[in-house]
Amino acid sequence: MAVRVICFYQPGCMGCMEQTPINREVERKLSLKIEEIDAVKHPQLIRQYGLKVTPTIVILNNDVVEERLEGVVHTEQFEATLKKYQ
């Protein structure tokens, strides 16, 4: 199973700044990499993934979107969601 986790953010977004240390903690605890992509610099991805807010976390399994988490996702919820795919 090829799981990919992407966190879309934009500069100056307060929620995005809150999400970043949560992402680092989850990466450390679950030994995985969370890709962080500046949505403003990649407008094609905004359309591709139907982004409405930042931060938005997209979980892909074999390049198919399995889950989308919008807004700040706290550590416990984020970990529980990701553990379904490990």
C-alpha atoms as a PDB file:
ATOM      1  CA  MET A   1       0.000   0.000   0.000  1.00  0.00           C
ATOM      2  CA  ALA A   2       1.554   3.282  -1.118  1.00  0.00           C
ATOM      3  CA  VAL A   3       0.212   5.933   1.234  1.00  0.00           C
ATOM      4  CA  ARG A   4       1.078   9.557   0.601  1.00  0.00           C
ATOM      5  CA  VAL A   5       0.169  12.413   2.967  1.00  0.00           C
ATOM      6  CA  ILE A   6       0.073  15.982   1.665  1.00  0.00           C
ATOM      7  CA  CYS A   7      -0.576  19.082   3.759  1.00  0.00           C
ATOM      8  CA  PHE A   8      -1.540  22.112   1.681  1.00  0.00           C
ATOM      9  CA  TYR A   9      -0.793  25.458   3.293  1.00  0.00           C
ATOM     10  CA  GLN A  10      -0.354  29.097   2.392  1.00  0.00           C
ATOM     11  CA  PRO A  11       2.020  31.694   3.822  1.00  0.00           C
ATOM     12  CA  GLY A  12       0.558  33.819   6.613  1.00  0.00           C
ATOM     13  CA  CYS A  13      -2.233  31.341   7.373  1.00  0.00           C
ATOM     14  CA  MET A  14      -2.570  31.118  11.162  1.00  0.00           C
ATOM     15  CA  GLY A  15      -4.081  27.625  11.047  1.00  0.00           C
ATOM     16  CA  CYS A  16      -1.232  26.485   8.803  1.00  0.00           C
ATOM     17  CA  MET A  17       1.302  27.773  11.302  1.00  0.00           C
ATOM     18  CA  GLU A  18      -0.512  25.841  14.018  1.00  0.00           C
ATOM     19  CA  GLN A  19      -0.595  22.682  11.865  1.00  0.00           C
ATOM     20  CA  THR A  20       3.147  22.599  11.104  1.00  0.00           C
ATOM     21  CA  PRO A  21       4.376  21.498  14.571  1.00  0.00           C
ATOM     22  CA  ILE A  22       1.521  18.965  14.732  1.00  0.00           C
ATOM     23  CA  ASN A  23       2.731  17.536  11.416  1.00  0.00           C
ATOM     24  CA  ARG A  24       6.292  17.263  12.760  1.00  0.00           C
ATOM     25  CA  GLU A  25       5.078  15.438  15.878  1.00  0.00           C
ATOM     26  CA  VAL A  26       2.957  12.999  13.870  1.00  0.00           C
ATOM     27  CA  GLU A  27       5.846  12.364  11.456  1.00  0.00           C
ATOM     28  CA  ARG A  28       8.094  11.534  14.393  1.00  0.00           C
ATOM     29  CA  LYS A  29       5.572   9.321  16.190  1.00  0.00           C
ATOM     30  CA  LEU A  30       4.472   7.363  13.114  1.00  0.00           C
ATOM     31  CA  SER A  31       7.776   7.395  11.209  1.00  0.00           C
ATOM     32  CA  LEU A  32       6.309   8.833   8.044  1.00  0.00           C
ATOM     33  CA  LYS A  33       6.819  11.859   5.819  1.00  0.00           C
ATOM     34  CA  ILE A  34       4.149  14.521   5.377  1.00  0.00           C
ATOM     35  CA  GLU A  35       4.645  16.549   2.207  1.00  0.00           C
ATOM     36  CA  GLU A  36       3.921  20.226   2.638  1.00  0.00           C
ATOM     37  CA  ILE A  37       2.858  22.134  -0.470  1.00  0.00           C
ATOM     38  CA  ASP A  38       2.269  25.877  -0.782  1.00  0.00           C
ATOM     39  CA  ALA A  39      -1.170  25.936  -2.416  1.00  0.00           C
ATOM     40  CA  VAL A  40      -0.679  29.503  -3.687  1.00  0.00           C
ATOM     41  CA  LYS A  41       2.362  28.447  -5.739  1.00  0.00           C
ATOM     42  CA  HIS A  42       0.490  25.451  -7.187  1.00  0.00           C
ATOM     43  CA  PRO A  43      -2.950  26.635  -8.357  1.00  0.00           C
ATOM     44  CA  GLN A  44      -3.341  23.517 -10.515  1.00  0.00           C
ATOM     45  CA  LEU A  45      -3.318  21.442  -7.319  1.00  0.00           C
ATOM     46  CA  ILE A  46      -6.030  23.648  -5.804  1.00  0.00           C
ATOM     47  CA  ARG A  47      -8.245  22.625  -8.719  1.00  0.00           C
ATOM     48  CA  GLN A  48      -7.059  19.018  -8.821  1.00  0.00           C
ATOM     49  CA  TYR A  49      -7.815  18.376  -5.147  1.00  0.00           C
ATOM     50  CA  GLY A  50     -10.753  20.797  -4.848  1.00  0.00           C
ATOM     51  CA  LEU A  51      -9.142  22.772  -2.034  1.00  0.00           C
ATOM     52  CA  LYS A  52     -11.391  25.242  -0.250  1.00  0.00           C
ATOM     53  CA  VAL A  53      -9.370  26.059   2.875  1.00  0.00           C
ATOM     54  CA  THR A  54      -5.867  25.819   4.243  1.00  0.00           C
ATOM     55  CA  PRO A  55      -4.583  23.864   5.907  1.00  0.00           C
ATOM     56  CA  THR A  56      -5.998  20.843   4.095  1.00  0.00           C
ATOM     57  CA  ILE A  57      -4.475  17.415   4.519  1.00  0.00           C
ATOM     58  CA  VAL A  58      -5.036  14.893   1.750  1.00  0.00           C
ATOM     59  CA  ILE A  59      -4.343  11.205   2.316  1.00  0.00           C
ATOM     60  CA  LEU A  60      -3.773   9.244  -0.872  1.00  0.00           C
ATOM     61  CA  ASN A  61      -3.539   5.501  -1.234  1.00  0.00           C
ATOM     62  CA  ASN A  62      -2.030   4.444  -4.572  1.00  0.00           C
ATOM     63  CA  ASP A  63      -2.731   7.991  -5.839  1.00  0.00           C
ATOM     64  CA  VAL A  64      -6.440   7.791  -4.947  1.00  0.00           C
ATOM     65  CA  VAL A  65      -7.756  10.303  -2.387  1.00  0.00           C
ATOM     66  CA  GLU A  66      -8.871   8.295   0.636  1.00  0.00           C
ATOM     67  CA  GLU A  67      -9.463  11.156   3.075  1.00  0.00           C
ATOM     68  CA  ARG A  68      -9.381  14.930   3.234  1.00  0.00           C
ATOM     69  CA  LEU A  69      -9.008  16.788   6.527  1.00  0.00           C
ATOM     70  CA  GLU A  70      -9.766  20.515   6.389  1.00  0.00           C
ATOM     71  CA  GLY A  71      -8.611  23.050   8.942  1.00  0.00           C
ATOM     72  CA  VAL A  72      -6.302  22.366  11.860  1.00  0.00           C
ATOM     73  CA  VAL A  73      -6.197  18.662  12.689  1.00  0.00           C
ATOM     74  CA  HIS A  74      -4.976  17.954  16.197  1.00  0.00           C
ATOM     75  CA  THR A  75      -2.430  15.262  16.930  1.00  0.00           C
ATOM     76  CA  GLU A  76      -4.752  12.575  18.316  1.00  0.00           C
ATOM     77  CA  GLN A  77      -7.239  12.796  15.432  1.00  0.00           C
ATOM     78  CA  PHE A  78      -4.463  12.968  12.828  1.00  0.00           C
ATOM     79  CA  GLU A  79      -2.682   9.919  14.255  1.00  0.00           C
ATOM     80  CA  ALA A  80      -5.899   7.899  14.473  1.00  0.00           C
ATOM     81  CA  THR A  81      -6.738   8.723  10.862  1.00  0.00           C
ATOM     82  CA  LEU A  82      -3.290   7.800   9.571  1.00  0.00           C
ATOM     83  CA  LYS A  83      -3.110   4.545  11.540  1.00  0.00           C
ATOM     84  CA  LYS A  84      -5.943   3.198   9.379  1.00  0.00           C
ATOM     85  CA  TYR A  85      -3.505   3.224   6.449  1.00  0.00           C
ATOM     86  CA  GLN A  86      -0.406   1.734   8.087  1.00  0.00           C
END
